[in-house]
Amino acid sequence: IMAHTSLNGFLHLYRPTTEEWIRTLVTLEAELLTINLENDSVSKLLPEQKIQDEHKGHQEANSTLPDTDEHDSNEPHQATNTDDVNDNANHSVNSDGAELTQPPNSALNNVRQVTVIKQDIGGLGISIKGGIENKLPITISKIFKGLAAEQTGNLYVGDAILSVNGEDLTKATHDDAVKALKRSGRDVVLEVKYLQDPNLRSRRQFLSTLPLETEASANGENSDGLQNWREVKTIPLKLSHVTQLISPAVHNKTDTTFEIRTSDGCPACILRCKDQDEFDLWFTAMNNNANLQNKLAIDEANQVLGATGSSREIKQMGWLNEQITTTSSESIRETKKWKPVFIALTAKDVLIYKSVPWSKEEWSTPTTSHPLLATRLISCSNNIRSNDWIFATRTGSRNGVETHVFRAETNLDMKLWSRSLVQGAHAAAALIKEISCAVTHKNEDARLTLHWEDGFSLTAARSSADGSHRMPRIIWRYPYERLRMSSDDGQRLLFLDFGGDDGAQ
């Protein structure tokens, strides 16, 4: 991995609601990707007389739903108007035609503490926007009807979240706020204050079409001059997922299109380059910067887990796409698709998660876990023309052999993961030294042992009947270099060929 790369230039940004591509200024730095819609782009997008007509009837796309478990990252979540939250509250209508519930006058100037009990389904039931990187407070942008936040009757769209369970958010980034809400537990104490400045909320339609909400900022004091308005969106690269696997619903995408997803797996933006050279430059640089940030994240994760120097220490982690195979009910043809997964390699295990684990509890509950010692790399392939960098693993388990097929985004990433898996398996063998299991050999109960240095050995399960052999009887023993071939049926049968007349076992 090279040193971080800084880039600045114009790319095209996909706008899902209108299915348009918009020319936008993009700046890549070591830790951040910043998107600016300004000057002629904003004048074209946001003529003041057309905003109400174009957006009327459209609901705002959900930016981050940190406490909703069942969130489809491929589709924007629809917001629900919060009616009848508080009989004493005032109601107003914004430029989108959506009704906003405001707190009573007694709460306007006060810092309030509100306790929310998370639901098993739906979590807190809020969306947030803002962050110090956007020079805006962390603010509630949506309250979903019927969920925990609305049921308190004391939270409002426009409330700035000052702290979560005592953790200060006044200087938090958007990403930090999401993490704080995710790890907050079941009983969540929010310290909030309502923002009276309507500009902090009424400008939200400017970025309503982007999956992550950030606010527009104004250059200059003349609000009538749209050429002075600028939209800014900042995406942290740490643990982000930069991928070429784009939803088929995206119109006019090309081979030079890529998507950036946040550390929670939510879509952040889709960008398109004008040609292959420009794509290679940006895509390689963004993946490189993201990988450099992941190295820092590995150190931070090991500190959280207290795993440095132990068998639980994380050696490698990051996003990959795993192949899933589905069979149509109307056809026997199999369809192969890809889903994003977050993978971590420790000194002993391969751990697979649906999204980035932030707490010790989340780290301890992967969706899939395989011992490295029982896992081997079986293939690596690439199709330069289609930019497919694919490798597969095979793991022996009590349920038979499990195969996983993964897709990396670059040739470098494929080589990095392949090398990490092979070296990890070797290191795990050196650490564990020896494994054995009960087997049946020529209708006789026995134990097959693999030793780090001594190789293969097969011993009788019991001592001899006459007691002449107190130690288990050795049926055969071979060093690793004698192994000529091995195969299995993927379930229970193992065939080993050590060469010679008696080497087939």
Foldseek 3Di string as FASTA:
>chain_A
DDPADWDWDWWWWAQVVVLDTFIWIWIDDLWKIKIKQAFPRQCVVPDPVCLLVVQAPPFFFFADQLFAPPDDQQDTDGADAQPPLDPQWDWDAASNRGIWTHHHPVQQADWDKFKWFADPHCGQQWGWADAVVLPDAIFTQGHHPPGGPSVSSPDTGQKGFQAKPPHGRRHGGPVRVSLCSNPRDRIIITTTHGDPPCQCRNQQSVCSSFNHTYGKDFQDDPPNDSNRTMRMDMATLAQKDKAPDHDPSNPPADLLKIWIGHQFRHTGIIIGHPDDVVSVVVSVSSVVSSVVNPVVVLVVVCVQVVQPPHQFRWDDKHKWWWWDWDADPVGRDIDIDIAIWIWTDGLWKIFIANGDDDHPVSVVDGPDMATLLQKAWDDWDADVVSQWTKTKMWGQDLAFIDMIIITDRHVVVSVVVNVCSVVSNLSNCVVVQKDKDWDADPNFIWIWMQGNFFGIWIFGPDADPVPPDPDTHTPDGDHPVQWDDWDAPRHHDIWTASDDPPRTD
